[in-house]
């Protein structure tokens, strides 16, 4: 009995099929996109205002310094704290309800609420300064950022409930704008440095 010859498989169209499959998966697959923090940068200052700022000194009591070192430890005003404690400390700093001389100074601000001009005592000169080490992980940086923003959100919400009886999100845009003027979000971020780990 003679050997039967095996037919060769025509592989010339395999490359075309593989190419079509590649195109199909590229078109139908969705790519996950990293989302960044939404931050609106202030407009550039006019030259005359830059000169005025050089002479302006920020009082030490008006600055709340948050530092994240290379070991991802959080220091608030020079004290090591857990990230979960940060929100309450920042809220206390922003509000300064007891007019504590170690917290930001209170000043009178004119705010338009429902068509009337009102004078409100607030700490509008305060600044929350966030500084992090180059070795800080992105995750820890985001956690701290979230706590700082949440502190402002809660302060505004508490004021809204006390003043208007509803949450901040339920207010009209005009009322929200008034509360933002009373409690402006002032988070200053310094360029990362090599602070190291102190603890």
N, C-alpha and C. Protein backbone atom coordinates (compact mmCIF):
# COMPACT_ATOMS: atom_id res chain seq x y z
N UNK A 1 0.83 -1.18 0.00
CA UNK A 1 0.00 0.00 0.00
C UNK A 1 0.88 1.24 0.00
N UNK A 2 0.67 2.15 -0.90
CA UNK A 2 1.50 3.35 -1.00
C UNK A 2 1.09 4.43 0.01
N UNK A 3 2.00 5.27 0.37
CA UNK A 3 1.72 6.36 1.32
C UNK A 3 0.86 7.41 0.63
N UNK A 4 -0.13 7.88 1.44
CA UNK A 4 -0.98 8.95 0.91
C UNK A 4 -0.32 10.28 1.18
N UNK A 5 -0.32 11.12 0.22
CA UNK A 5 0.31 12.43 0.41
C UNK A 5 -0.67 13.36 1.15
N UNK A 6 -0.13 14.04 2.15
CA UNK A 6 -0.95 14.96 2.96
C UNK A 6 -0.93 16.32 2.27
N UNK A 7 -2.11 16.87 2.12
CA UNK A 7 -2.20 18.17 1.48
C UNK A 7 -1.66 19.26 2.39
N UNK A 8 -0.94 20.19 1.83
CA UNK A 8 -0.44 21.32 2.62
C UNK A 8 -1.57 22.30 2.90
N UNK A 9 -1.52 22.87 4.15
CA UNK A 9 -2.54 23.88 4.52
C UNK A 9 -2.10 25.22 3.95
N UNK A 10 -3.03 25.84 3.28
CA UNK A 10 -2.74 27.14 2.70
C UNK A 10 -2.79 28.20 3.80
N UNK A 11 -1.62 28.69 4.19
CA UNK A 11 -1.54 29.64 5.31
C UNK A 11 -1.47 31.09 4.84
N UNK A 12 -1.64 31.31 3.58
CA UNK A 12 -1.50 32.68 3.08
C UNK A 12 -2.58 33.61 3.63
N UNK A 13 -3.77 33.07 3.92
CA UNK A 13 -4.85 33.94 4.43
C UNK A 13 -4.82 34.07 5.96
N UNK A 14 -3.97 33.33 6.65
CA UNK A 14 -3.91 33.39 8.12
C UNK A 14 -3.46 34.77 8.60
N UNK A 15 -2.53 35.36 7.89
CA UNK A 15 -2.05 36.69 8.27
C UNK A 15 -3.18 37.71 8.16
N UNK A 16 -4.01 37.57 7.11
CA UNK A 16 -5.14 38.48 6.96
C UNK A 16 -6.14 38.32 8.10
N UNK A 17 -6.40 37.08 8.47
CA UNK A 17 -7.35 36.82 9.56
C UNK A 17 -6.82 37.39 10.87
N UNK A 18 -5.53 37.16 11.15
CA UNK A 18 -4.93 37.69 12.39
C UNK A 18 -4.99 39.21 12.41
N UNK A 19 -4.75 39.85 11.29
CA UNK A 19 -4.79 41.31 11.20
C UNK A 19 -6.21 41.82 11.46
N UNK A 20 -7.21 41.14 10.87
CA UNK A 20 -8.59 41.55 11.08
C UNK A 20 -9.01 41.39 12.54
N UNK A 21 -8.58 40.30 13.19
CA UNK A 21 -8.88 40.09 14.61
C UNK A 21 -8.24 41.19 15.47
N UNK A 22 -7.01 41.54 15.12
CA UNK A 22 -6.31 42.60 15.85
C UNK A 22 -7.08 43.92 15.74
N UNK A 23 -7.49 44.27 14.53
CA UNK A 23 -8.26 45.49 14.31
C UNK A 23 -9.57 45.44 15.09
N UNK A 24 -10.24 44.28 15.08
CA UNK A 24 -11.52 44.12 15.78
C UNK A 24 -11.35 44.38 17.27
N UNK A 25 -10.34 43.79 17.90
CA UNK A 25 -10.13 43.96 19.34
C UNK A 25 -9.70 45.39 19.69
N UNK A 26 -8.92 46.01 18.82
CA UNK A 26 -8.52 47.40 19.07
C UNK A 26 -9.72 48.34 19.04
N UNK A 27 -10.65 48.07 18.14
CA UNK A 27 -11.82 48.94 17.98
C UNK A 27 -12.83 48.72 19.11
N UNK A 28 -13.02 47.48 19.52
CA UNK A 28 -14.08 47.17 20.49
C UNK A 28 -13.63 47.27 21.95
N UNK A 29 -12.34 47.24 22.21
CA UNK A 29 -11.86 47.29 23.59
C UNK A 29 -11.83 48.73 24.08
N UNK A 30 -12.31 48.93 25.32
CA UNK A 30 -12.24 50.26 25.93
C UNK A 30 -11.01 50.34 26.81
N UNK A 31 -10.36 51.47 26.78
CA UNK A 31 -9.16 51.68 27.59
C UNK A 31 -9.56 52.44 28.84
N UNK A 32 -9.03 52.01 29.98
CA UNK A 32 -9.31 52.76 31.22
C UNK A 32 -8.40 53.98 31.25
N UNK A 33 -9.02 55.13 31.53
CA UNK A 33 -8.28 56.38 31.54
C UNK A 33 -8.18 56.88 32.98
N UNK A 34 -6.97 57.19 33.42
CA UNK A 34 -6.79 57.74 34.76
C UNK A 34 -7.42 59.10 34.83
N UNK A 35 -8.12 59.34 35.94
CA UNK A 35 -8.74 60.64 36.14
C UNK A 35 -7.87 61.45 37.09
N UNK A 36 -7.66 62.69 36.78
CA UNK A 36 -6.88 63.55 37.64
C UNK A 36 -7.77 64.34 38.58
N UNK A 37 -7.16 65.16 39.39
CA UNK A 37 -7.89 66.03 40.29
C UNK A 37 -8.39 67.24 39.52
N UNK A 38 -9.63 67.61 39.77
CA UNK A 38 -10.14 68.80 39.09
C UNK A 38 -9.71 70.03 39.88
N UNK A 39 -8.89 70.81 39.28
CA UNK A 39 -8.37 72.02 39.91
C UNK A 39 -8.46 73.17 38.91
N UNK A 40 -9.03 74.26 39.32
CA UNK A 40 -9.08 75.43 38.46
C UNK A 40 -7.99 76.38 38.91
N UNK A 41 -7.04 76.63 38.05
CA UNK A 41 -5.94 77.52 38.40
C UNK A 41 -6.39 78.97 38.29
N UNK A 42 -5.90 79.80 39.21
CA UNK A 42 -6.27 81.21 39.12
C UNK A 42 -5.64 81.86 37.90
N UNK A 43 -6.27 82.94 37.39
CA UNK A 43 -5.68 83.62 36.24
C UNK A 43 -4.38 84.30 36.63
N UNK A 44 -3.46 84.52 35.68
CA UNK A 44 -2.20 85.18 36.00
C UNK A 44 -2.43 86.58 36.53
N UNK A 45 -1.59 86.98 37.48
CA UNK A 45 -1.74 88.30 38.09
C UNK A 45 -1.19 89.39 37.18
N UNK A 46 -1.85 90.55 37.17
CA UNK A 46 -1.29 91.70 36.44
C UNK A 46 0.02 92.14 37.09
N UNK A 47 0.93 92.76 36.34
CA UNK A 47 2.23 93.16 36.87
C UNK A 47 2.16 94.04 38.12
N UNK A 48 1.18 94.95 38.18
CA UNK A 48 1.09 95.84 39.35
C UNK A 48 0.73 95.09 40.62
N UNK A 49 -0.09 94.01 40.50
CA UNK A 49 -0.46 93.22 41.67
C UNK A 49 0.70 92.34 42.12
N UNK A 50 1.56 91.90 41.20
CA UNK A 50 2.72 91.09 41.59
C UNK A 50 3.62 91.88 42.52
N UNK A 51 3.78 93.16 42.25
CA UNK A 51 4.61 94.00 43.11
C UNK A 51 4.01 94.13 44.50
N UNK A 52 2.68 94.25 44.57
CA UNK A 52 2.01 94.37 45.87
C UNK A 52 2.19 93.09 46.69
N UNK A 53 2.13 91.94 46.02
CA UNK A 53 2.25 90.66 46.72
C UNK A 53 3.63 90.46 47.33
N UNK A 54 4.66 91.05 46.73
CA UNK A 54 6.01 90.91 47.28
C UNK A 54 6.09 91.52 48.68
N UNK A 55 5.33 92.60 48.90
CA UNK A 55 5.36 93.28 50.19
C UNK A 55 4.39 92.66 51.20
N UNK A 56 3.49 91.78 50.73
CA UNK A 56 2.47 91.22 51.60
C UNK A 56 3.03 90.02 52.37
N UNK A 57 2.90 90.05 53.68
CA UNK A 57 3.35 88.94 54.50
C UNK A 57 2.13 88.22 55.06
N UNK A 58 2.15 86.90 54.96
CA UNK A 58 1.06 86.11 55.52
C UNK A 58 1.41 85.80 56.97
N UNK A 59 0.48 86.10 57.87
CA UNK A 59 0.72 85.84 59.28
C UNK A 59 0.77 84.35 59.53
N UNK A 60 1.66 83.96 60.44
CA UNK A 60 1.88 82.54 60.72
C UNK A 60 0.60 81.85 61.19
N UNK A 61 -0.22 82.56 61.96
CA UNK A 61 -1.44 81.96 62.51
C UNK A 61 -2.45 81.64 61.41
N UNK A 62 -2.31 82.27 60.23
CA UNK A 62 -3.25 82.04 59.13
C UNK A 62 -2.87 80.87 58.23
N UNK A 63 -1.74 80.22 58.51
CA UNK A 63 -1.27 79.11 57.66
C UNK A 63 -1.36 77.78 58.40
N UNK A 64 -2.00 76.82 57.78
CA UNK A 64 -2.09 75.45 58.31
C UNK A 64 -1.23 74.57 57.40
N UNK A 65 -0.09 74.11 57.91
CA UNK A 65 0.86 73.36 57.10
C UNK A 65 0.63 71.86 57.24
N UNK A 66 0.43 71.21 56.09
CA UNK A 66 0.29 69.75 56.04
C UNK A 66 1.47 69.22 55.24
N UNK A 67 2.23 68.32 55.85
CA UNK A 67 3.42 67.77 55.21
C UNK A 67 3.30 66.25 55.14
N UNK A 68 3.58 65.68 53.97
CA UNK A 68 3.63 64.22 53.81
C UNK A 68 5.07 63.86 53.52
N UNK A 69 5.70 63.07 54.42
CA UNK A 69 7.11 62.73 54.20
C UNK A 69 7.27 61.50 53.32
N UNK A 70 8.50 61.07 53.12
CA UNK A 70 8.78 59.97 52.19
C UNK A 70 8.27 58.63 52.70
N UNK A 71 7.95 58.56 54.01
CA UNK A 71 7.39 57.31 54.58
C UNK A 71 5.86 57.37 54.60
N UNK A 72 5.30 58.35 53.89
CA UNK A 72 3.85 58.55 53.81
C UNK A 72 3.22 58.89 55.15
N UNK A 73 4.00 59.49 56.04
CA UNK A 73 3.47 59.95 57.32
C UNK A 73 2.99 61.38 57.16
N UNK A 74 1.88 61.70 57.82
CA UNK A 74 1.28 63.02 57.69
C UNK A 74 1.57 63.85 58.93
N UNK A 75 2.10 65.05 58.71
CA UNK A 75 2.33 66.00 59.79
C UNK A 75 1.41 67.19 59.57
N UNK A 76 0.60 67.51 60.57
CA UNK A 76 -0.26 68.68 60.52
C UNK A 76 0.22 69.64 61.59
N UNK A 77 0.66 70.82 61.19
CA UNK A 77 1.20 71.81 62.10
C UNK A 77 2.32 71.23 62.96
N UNK A 78 3.14 70.36 62.34
CA UNK A 78 4.31 69.79 63.02
C UNK A 78 4.03 68.56 63.86
N UNK A 79 2.79 68.10 63.92
CA UNK A 79 2.44 66.92 64.72
C UNK A 79 2.05 65.76 63.80
N UNK A 80 2.56 64.56 64.13
CA UNK A 80 2.19 63.37 63.36
C UNK A 80 0.74 63.00 63.68
N UNK A 81 -0.05 62.83 62.63
CA UNK A 81 -1.45 62.42 62.81
C UNK A 81 -1.80 61.37 61.76
N UNK A 82 -2.93 60.70 61.98
CA UNK A 82 -3.46 59.78 60.98
C UNK A 82 -4.23 60.61 59.95
N UNK A 83 -4.31 60.12 58.74
CA UNK A 83 -5.02 60.84 57.67
C UNK A 83 -6.47 61.11 58.08
N UNK A 84 -7.07 60.14 58.80
CA UNK A 84 -8.47 60.26 59.20
C UNK A 84 -8.70 61.43 60.16
N UNK A 85 -7.67 61.87 60.88
CA UNK A 85 -7.79 62.97 61.84
C UNK A 85 -7.68 64.33 61.15
N UNK A 86 -7.17 64.35 59.94
CA UNK A 86 -6.85 65.60 59.26
C UNK A 86 -8.10 66.46 59.00
N UNK A 87 -9.18 65.84 58.60
CA UNK A 87 -10.38 66.59 58.22
C UNK A 87 -10.88 67.47 59.37
N UNK A 88 -10.99 66.89 60.58
CA UNK A 88 -11.50 67.66 61.73
C UNK A 88 -10.56 68.80 62.10
N UNK A 89 -9.26 68.56 62.02
CA UNK A 89 -8.28 69.60 62.35
C UNK A 89 -8.38 70.78 61.38
N UNK A 90 -8.55 70.47 60.10
CA UNK A 90 -8.67 71.52 59.09
C UNK A 90 -9.98 72.28 59.27
N UNK A 91 -11.07 71.57 59.58
CA UNK A 91 -12.36 72.23 59.81
C UNK A 91 -12.26 73.20 60.98
N UNK A 92 -11.64 72.77 62.06
CA UNK A 92 -11.46 73.63 63.23
C UNK A 92 -10.65 74.87 62.86
N UNK A 93 -9.63 74.67 62.04
CA UNK A 93 -8.77 75.78 61.60
C UNK A 93 -9.56 76.76 60.74
N UNK A 94 -10.33 76.25 59.78
CA UNK A 94 -11.08 77.11 58.86
C UNK A 94 -12.12 77.94 59.60
N UNK A 95 -12.83 77.32 60.55
CA UNK A 95 -13.94 78.01 61.21
C UNK A 95 -13.48 78.95 62.33
N UNK A 96 -12.56 78.51 63.17
CA UNK A 96 -12.11 79.28 64.34
C UNK A 96 -13.28 79.94 65.06
N UNK A 97 -14.23 79.11 65.47
CA UNK A 97 -15.46 79.61 66.08
C UNK A 97 -15.22 80.32 67.42
N UNK A 98 -14.18 79.90 68.16
CA UNK A 98 -13.92 80.50 69.48
C UNK A 98 -12.97 81.69 69.39
N UNK A 99 -12.61 82.10 68.17
CA UNK A 99 -11.66 83.21 67.95
C UNK A 99 -10.35 82.96 68.70
N UNK A 100 -9.84 81.74 68.56
CA UNK A 100 -8.58 81.33 69.18
C UNK A 100 -7.43 82.12 68.55
N UNK A 101 -6.55 82.74 69.37
CA UNK A 101 -5.43 83.51 68.80
C UNK A 101 -4.40 82.66 68.06
N UNK A 102 -4.45 81.32 68.24
CA UNK A 102 -3.53 80.43 67.52
C UNK A 102 -4.10 79.97 66.18
N UNK A 103 -5.35 80.32 65.92
CA UNK A 103 -6.01 79.95 64.67
C UNK A 103 -6.18 81.21 63.82
N UNK A 104 -6.63 81.08 62.56
CA UNK A 104 -6.69 82.25 61.67
C UNK A 104 -7.53 83.39 62.26
N UNK A 105 -7.08 84.59 61.94
CA UNK A 105 -7.80 85.76 62.43
C UNK A 105 -9.12 85.93 61.70
N UNK A 106 -10.13 86.37 62.45
CA UNK A 106 -11.44 86.61 61.87
C UNK A 106 -11.50 88.02 61.31
N UNK A 107 -12.15 88.16 60.17
CA UNK A 107 -12.35 89.49 59.60
C UNK A 107 -13.76 89.57 59.04
N UNK A 108 -14.24 90.79 58.87
CA UNK A 108 -15.60 91.01 58.40
C UNK A 108 -15.62 91.01 56.87
N UNK A 109 -16.52 90.21 56.32
CA UNK A 109 -16.65 90.11 54.86
C UNK A 109 -18.08 90.45 54.48
N UNK A 110 -18.23 91.26 53.44
CA UNK A 110 -19.57 91.59 52.94
C UNK A 110 -19.99 90.57 51.89
N UNK A 111 -21.16 89.96 52.11
CA UNK A 111 -21.66 88.91 51.23
C UNK A 111 -23.10 89.24 50.84
N UNK A 112 -23.40 89.04 49.56
CA UNK A 112 -24.78 89.25 49.10
C UNK A 112 -25.55 87.94 49.19
N UNK A 113 -26.57 87.93 50.04
CA UNK A 113 -27.41 86.74 50.20
C UNK A 113 -28.86 87.15 49.95
N UNK A 114 -29.47 86.53 48.96
CA UNK A 114 -30.87 86.81 48.59
C UNK A 114 -31.11 88.30 48.35
N UNK A 115 -30.18 88.96 47.69
CA UNK A 115 -30.35 90.36 47.33
C UNK A 115 -29.99 91.36 48.42
N UNK A 116 -29.61 90.87 49.60
CA UNK A 116 -29.23 91.76 50.70
C UNK A 116 -27.75 91.61 50.98
N UNK A 117 -27.09 92.71 51.29
CA UNK A 117 -25.68 92.68 51.67
C UNK A 117 -25.60 92.42 53.17
N UNK A 118 -24.87 91.38 53.54
CA UNK A 118 -24.70 91.04 54.96
C UNK A 118 -23.22 91.04 55.31
N UNK A 119 -22.93 91.36 56.56
CA UNK A 119 -21.56 91.33 57.05
C UNK A 119 -21.39 90.07 57.89
N UNK A 120 -20.39 89.26 57.51
CA UNK A 120 -20.15 87.98 58.17
C UNK A 120 -18.70 87.93 58.63
N UNK A 121 -18.50 87.45 59.86
CA UNK A 121 -17.14 87.26 60.38
C UNK A 121 -16.63 85.90 59.89
N UNK A 122 -15.46 85.92 59.26
CA UNK A 122 -14.90 84.68 58.72
C UNK A 122 -13.38 84.75 58.67
N UNK A 123 -12.76 83.60 58.43
CA UNK A 123 -11.29 83.51 58.36
C UNK A 123 -10.85 83.51 56.91
N UNK A 124 -11.24 84.51 56.14
CA UNK A 124 -10.97 84.49 54.70
C UNK A 124 -9.49 84.64 54.35
N UNK A 125 -8.64 84.99 55.34
CA UNK A 125 -7.20 85.16 55.07
C UNK A 125 -6.42 83.86 55.28
N UNK A 126 -7.12 82.79 55.66
CA UNK A 126 -6.40 81.52 55.96
C UNK A 126 -5.87 80.86 54.68
N UNK A 127 -4.86 80.01 54.87
CA UNK A 127 -4.30 79.20 53.77
C UNK A 127 -3.96 77.83 54.32
N UNK A 128 -4.35 76.78 53.59
CA UNK A 128 -3.94 75.42 53.92
C UNK A 128 -2.81 75.07 52.96
N UNK A 129 -1.61 74.91 53.50
CA UNK A 129 -0.42 74.65 52.67
C UNK A 129 -0.09 73.16 52.68
N UNK A 130 -0.16 72.55 51.51
CA UNK A 130 0.15 71.12 51.38
C UNK A 130 1.53 70.96 50.75
N UNK A 131 2.40 70.24 51.47
CA UNK A 131 3.75 69.99 50.97
C UNK A 131 4.00 68.48 51.03
N UNK A 132 4.62 67.95 50.01
CA UNK A 132 4.92 66.52 50.04
C UNK A 132 6.33 66.24 49.55
N UNK A 133 6.85 65.11 50.01
CA UNK A 133 8.19 64.68 49.63
C UNK A 133 8.14 64.04 48.24
N UNK A 134 9.27 64.05 47.56
CA UNK A 134 9.32 63.39 46.24
C UNK A 134 9.08 61.89 46.36
N UNK A 135 9.33 61.33 47.55
CA UNK A 135 9.13 59.90 47.77
C UNK A 135 7.72 59.53 48.20
N UNK A 136 6.85 60.53 48.37
CA UNK A 136 5.46 60.27 48.77
C UNK A 136 4.74 59.50 47.67
N UNK A 137 3.96 58.50 48.07
CA UNK A 137 3.20 57.75 47.06
C UNK A 137 2.02 58.57 46.58
N UNK A 138 1.62 58.33 45.35
CA UNK A 138 0.49 59.05 44.76
C UNK A 138 -0.78 58.77 45.55
N UNK A 139 -0.93 57.51 46.02
CA UNK A 139 -2.12 57.12 46.78
C UNK A 139 -2.26 57.95 48.05
N UNK A 140 -1.17 58.13 48.79
CA UNK A 140 -1.21 58.91 50.03
C UNK A 140 -1.50 60.38 49.73
N UNK A 141 -0.92 60.89 48.66
CA UNK A 141 -1.16 62.28 48.26
C UNK A 141 -2.64 62.50 47.97
N UNK A 142 -3.26 61.56 47.25
CA UNK A 142 -4.68 61.66 46.92
C UNK A 142 -5.53 61.58 48.17
N UNK A 143 -5.16 60.69 49.11
CA UNK A 143 -5.92 60.55 50.36
C UNK A 143 -5.93 61.87 51.13
N UNK A 144 -4.76 62.51 51.22
CA UNK A 144 -4.66 63.78 51.94
C UNK A 144 -5.46 64.86 51.21
N UNK A 145 -5.33 64.92 49.89
CA UNK A 145 -6.10 65.89 49.09
C UNK A 145 -7.60 65.73 49.34
N UNK A 146 -8.06 64.48 49.34
CA UNK A 146 -9.48 64.20 49.56
C UNK A 146 -9.95 64.72 50.91
N UNK A 147 -9.12 64.53 51.94
CA UNK A 147 -9.48 64.99 53.28
C UNK A 147 -9.55 66.51 53.35
N UNK A 148 -8.63 67.19 52.69
CA UNK A 148 -8.62 68.65 52.70
C UNK A 148 -9.87 69.20 52.00
N UNK A 149 -10.18 68.66 50.83
CA UNK A 149 -11.36 69.12 50.09
C UNK A 149 -12.64 68.78 50.86
N UNK A 150 -12.66 67.58 51.48
CA UNK A 150 -13.83 67.17 52.27
C UNK A 150 -14.06 68.10 53.45
N UNK A 151 -12.98 68.60 54.05
CA UNK A 151 -13.10 69.53 55.18
C UNK A 151 -13.84 70.79 54.73
N UNK A 152 -13.45 71.35 53.59
CA UNK A 152 -14.14 72.54 53.06
C UNK A 152 -15.60 72.23 52.74
N UNK A 153 -15.84 71.08 52.12
CA UNK A 153 -17.21 70.70 51.77
C UNK A 153 -18.09 70.59 53.01
N UNK A 154 -17.55 69.99 54.08
CA UNK A 154 -18.33 69.81 55.30
C UNK A 154 -18.59 71.14 56.00
N UNK A 155 -17.58 72.01 56.02
CA UNK A 155 -17.76 73.33 56.65
C UNK A 155 -18.86 74.10 55.92
N UNK A 156 -18.84 74.07 54.59
CA UNK A 156 -19.86 74.77 53.81
C UNK A 156 -21.23 74.14 54.03
N UNK A 157 -21.27 72.81 54.10
CA UNK A 157 -22.54 72.11 54.28
C UNK A 157 -23.13 72.42 55.66
N UNK A 158 -22.27 72.43 56.68
CA UNK A 158 -22.74 72.73 58.04
C UNK A 158 -23.30 74.16 58.12
N UNK A 159 -22.61 75.10 57.48
CA UNK A 159 -23.09 76.48 57.49
C UNK A 159 -24.43 76.59 56.76
N UNK A 160 -24.55 75.87 55.64
CA UNK A 160 -25.78 75.88 54.86
C UNK A 160 -26.95 75.33 55.67
N UNK A 161 -26.74 74.24 56.38
CA UNK A 161 -27.81 73.63 57.17
C UNK A 161 -28.21 74.54 58.33
N UNK A 162 -27.21 75.18 58.93
CA UNK A 162 -27.48 76.08 60.06
C UNK A 162 -28.22 77.34 59.59
N UNK A 163 -27.80 77.87 58.44
CA UNK A 163 -28.35 79.15 57.96
C UNK A 163 -29.64 78.98 57.17
N UNK A 164 -29.69 77.96 56.28
CA UNK A 164 -30.83 77.81 55.36
C UNK A 164 -31.67 76.57 55.62
N UNK A 165 -31.20 75.67 56.48
CA UNK A 165 -31.97 74.47 56.80
C UNK A 165 -31.91 73.37 55.76
N UNK A 166 -31.04 73.51 54.76
CA UNK A 166 -30.86 72.47 53.74
C UNK A 166 -29.38 72.28 53.48
N UNK A 167 -29.03 71.19 52.80
CA UNK A 167 -27.62 70.92 52.51
C UNK A 167 -27.09 71.91 51.47
N UNK A 168 -25.79 72.03 51.42
CA UNK A 168 -25.14 72.94 50.48
C UNK A 168 -25.51 72.62 49.03
N UNK A 169 -25.59 71.33 48.71
CA UNK A 169 -25.90 70.91 47.34
C UNK A 169 -27.32 71.28 46.91
N UNK A 170 -28.21 71.50 47.87
CA UNK A 170 -29.60 71.84 47.56
C UNK A 170 -29.80 73.35 47.35
N UNK A 171 -28.79 74.14 47.63
CA UNK A 171 -28.91 75.59 47.53
C UNK A 171 -28.89 76.05 46.07
N UNK A 172 -29.38 77.26 45.87
CA UNK A 172 -29.28 77.88 44.55
C UNK A 172 -27.81 78.26 44.32
N UNK A 173 -27.48 78.53 43.07
CA UNK A 173 -26.09 78.91 42.74
C UNK A 173 -25.67 80.19 43.46
N UNK A 174 -26.60 81.14 43.61
CA UNK A 174 -26.28 82.40 44.28
C UNK A 174 -25.93 82.16 45.74
N UNK A 175 -26.72 81.33 46.41
CA UNK A 175 -26.44 81.04 47.82
C UNK A 175 -25.14 80.25 47.97
N UNK A 176 -24.92 79.32 47.05
CA UNK A 176 -23.65 78.56 47.08
C UNK A 176 -22.47 79.51 46.92
N UNK A 177 -22.60 80.47 45.99
CA UNK A 177 -21.54 81.44 45.77
C UNK A 177 -21.27 82.27 47.01
N UNK A 178 -22.33 82.62 47.74
CA UNK A 178 -22.18 83.40 48.97
C UNK A 178 -21.40 82.61 50.02
N UNK A 179 -21.73 81.33 50.16
CA UNK A 179 -21.03 80.50 51.14
C UNK A 179 -19.58 80.28 50.72
N UNK A 180 -19.34 80.17 49.41
CA UNK A 180 -17.95 80.04 48.93
C UNK A 180 -17.14 81.29 49.25
N UNK A 181 -17.80 82.43 49.28
CA UNK A 181 -17.10 83.67 49.63
C UNK A 181 -16.80 83.70 51.13
N UNK A 182 -17.72 83.16 51.93
CA UNK A 182 -17.52 83.11 53.38
C UNK A 182 -16.42 82.11 53.72
N UNK A 183 -16.46 80.95 53.07
CA UNK A 183 -15.45 79.90 53.29
C UNK A 183 -14.77 79.56 51.97
N UNK A 184 -13.87 80.43 51.49
CA UNK A 184 -13.18 80.14 50.22
C UNK A 184 -12.20 78.97 50.39
N UNK A 185 -12.14 78.12 49.36
CA UNK A 185 -11.20 76.98 49.41
C UNK A 185 -9.82 77.47 49.03
N UNK A 186 -8.92 77.49 50.00
CA UNK A 186 -7.56 77.98 49.78
C UNK A 186 -6.56 76.89 50.12
N UNK A 187 -6.29 76.04 49.14
CA UNK A 187 -5.29 74.98 49.31
C UNK A 187 -4.11 75.32 48.43
N UNK A 188 -2.98 75.56 49.07
CA UNK A 188 -1.76 75.92 48.35
C UNK A 188 -0.85 74.69 48.32
N UNK A 189 -0.36 74.35 47.13
CA UNK A 189 0.52 73.18 47.00
C UNK A 189 1.92 73.61 46.63
N UNK A 190 2.87 73.23 47.48
CA UNK A 190 4.27 73.56 47.22
C UNK A 190 4.89 72.48 46.33
N UNK A 191 5.96 72.84 45.66
CA UNK A 191 6.66 71.87 44.82
C UNK A 191 7.28 70.78 45.69
N UNK A 192 7.15 69.49 45.31
CA UNK A 192 7.73 68.41 46.13
C UNK A 192 9.23 68.59 46.37
N UNK A 193 9.65 68.27 47.60
CA UNK A 193 11.06 68.35 47.96
C UNK A 193 11.48 67.05 48.63
N UNK A 194 12.75 66.92 48.91
CA UNK A 194 13.25 65.75 49.62
C UNK A 194 13.28 66.04 51.13
N UNK A 195 12.12 65.84 51.78
CA UNK A 195 12.05 66.04 53.22
C UNK A 195 12.57 64.82 53.97
N UNK A 196 12.40 63.63 53.35
CA UNK A 196 12.81 62.39 54.01
C UNK A 196 11.75 61.92 54.96
N UNK A 197 12.09 60.89 55.74
CA UNK A 197 11.19 60.36 56.76
C UNK A 197 11.77 60.63 58.12
N UNK A 198 11.03 61.35 58.96
CA UNK A 198 11.57 61.77 60.24
C UNK A 198 11.28 60.81 61.37
N UNK A 199 10.35 59.91 61.15
CA UNK A 199 9.91 59.07 62.27
C UNK A 199 10.21 57.62 61.97
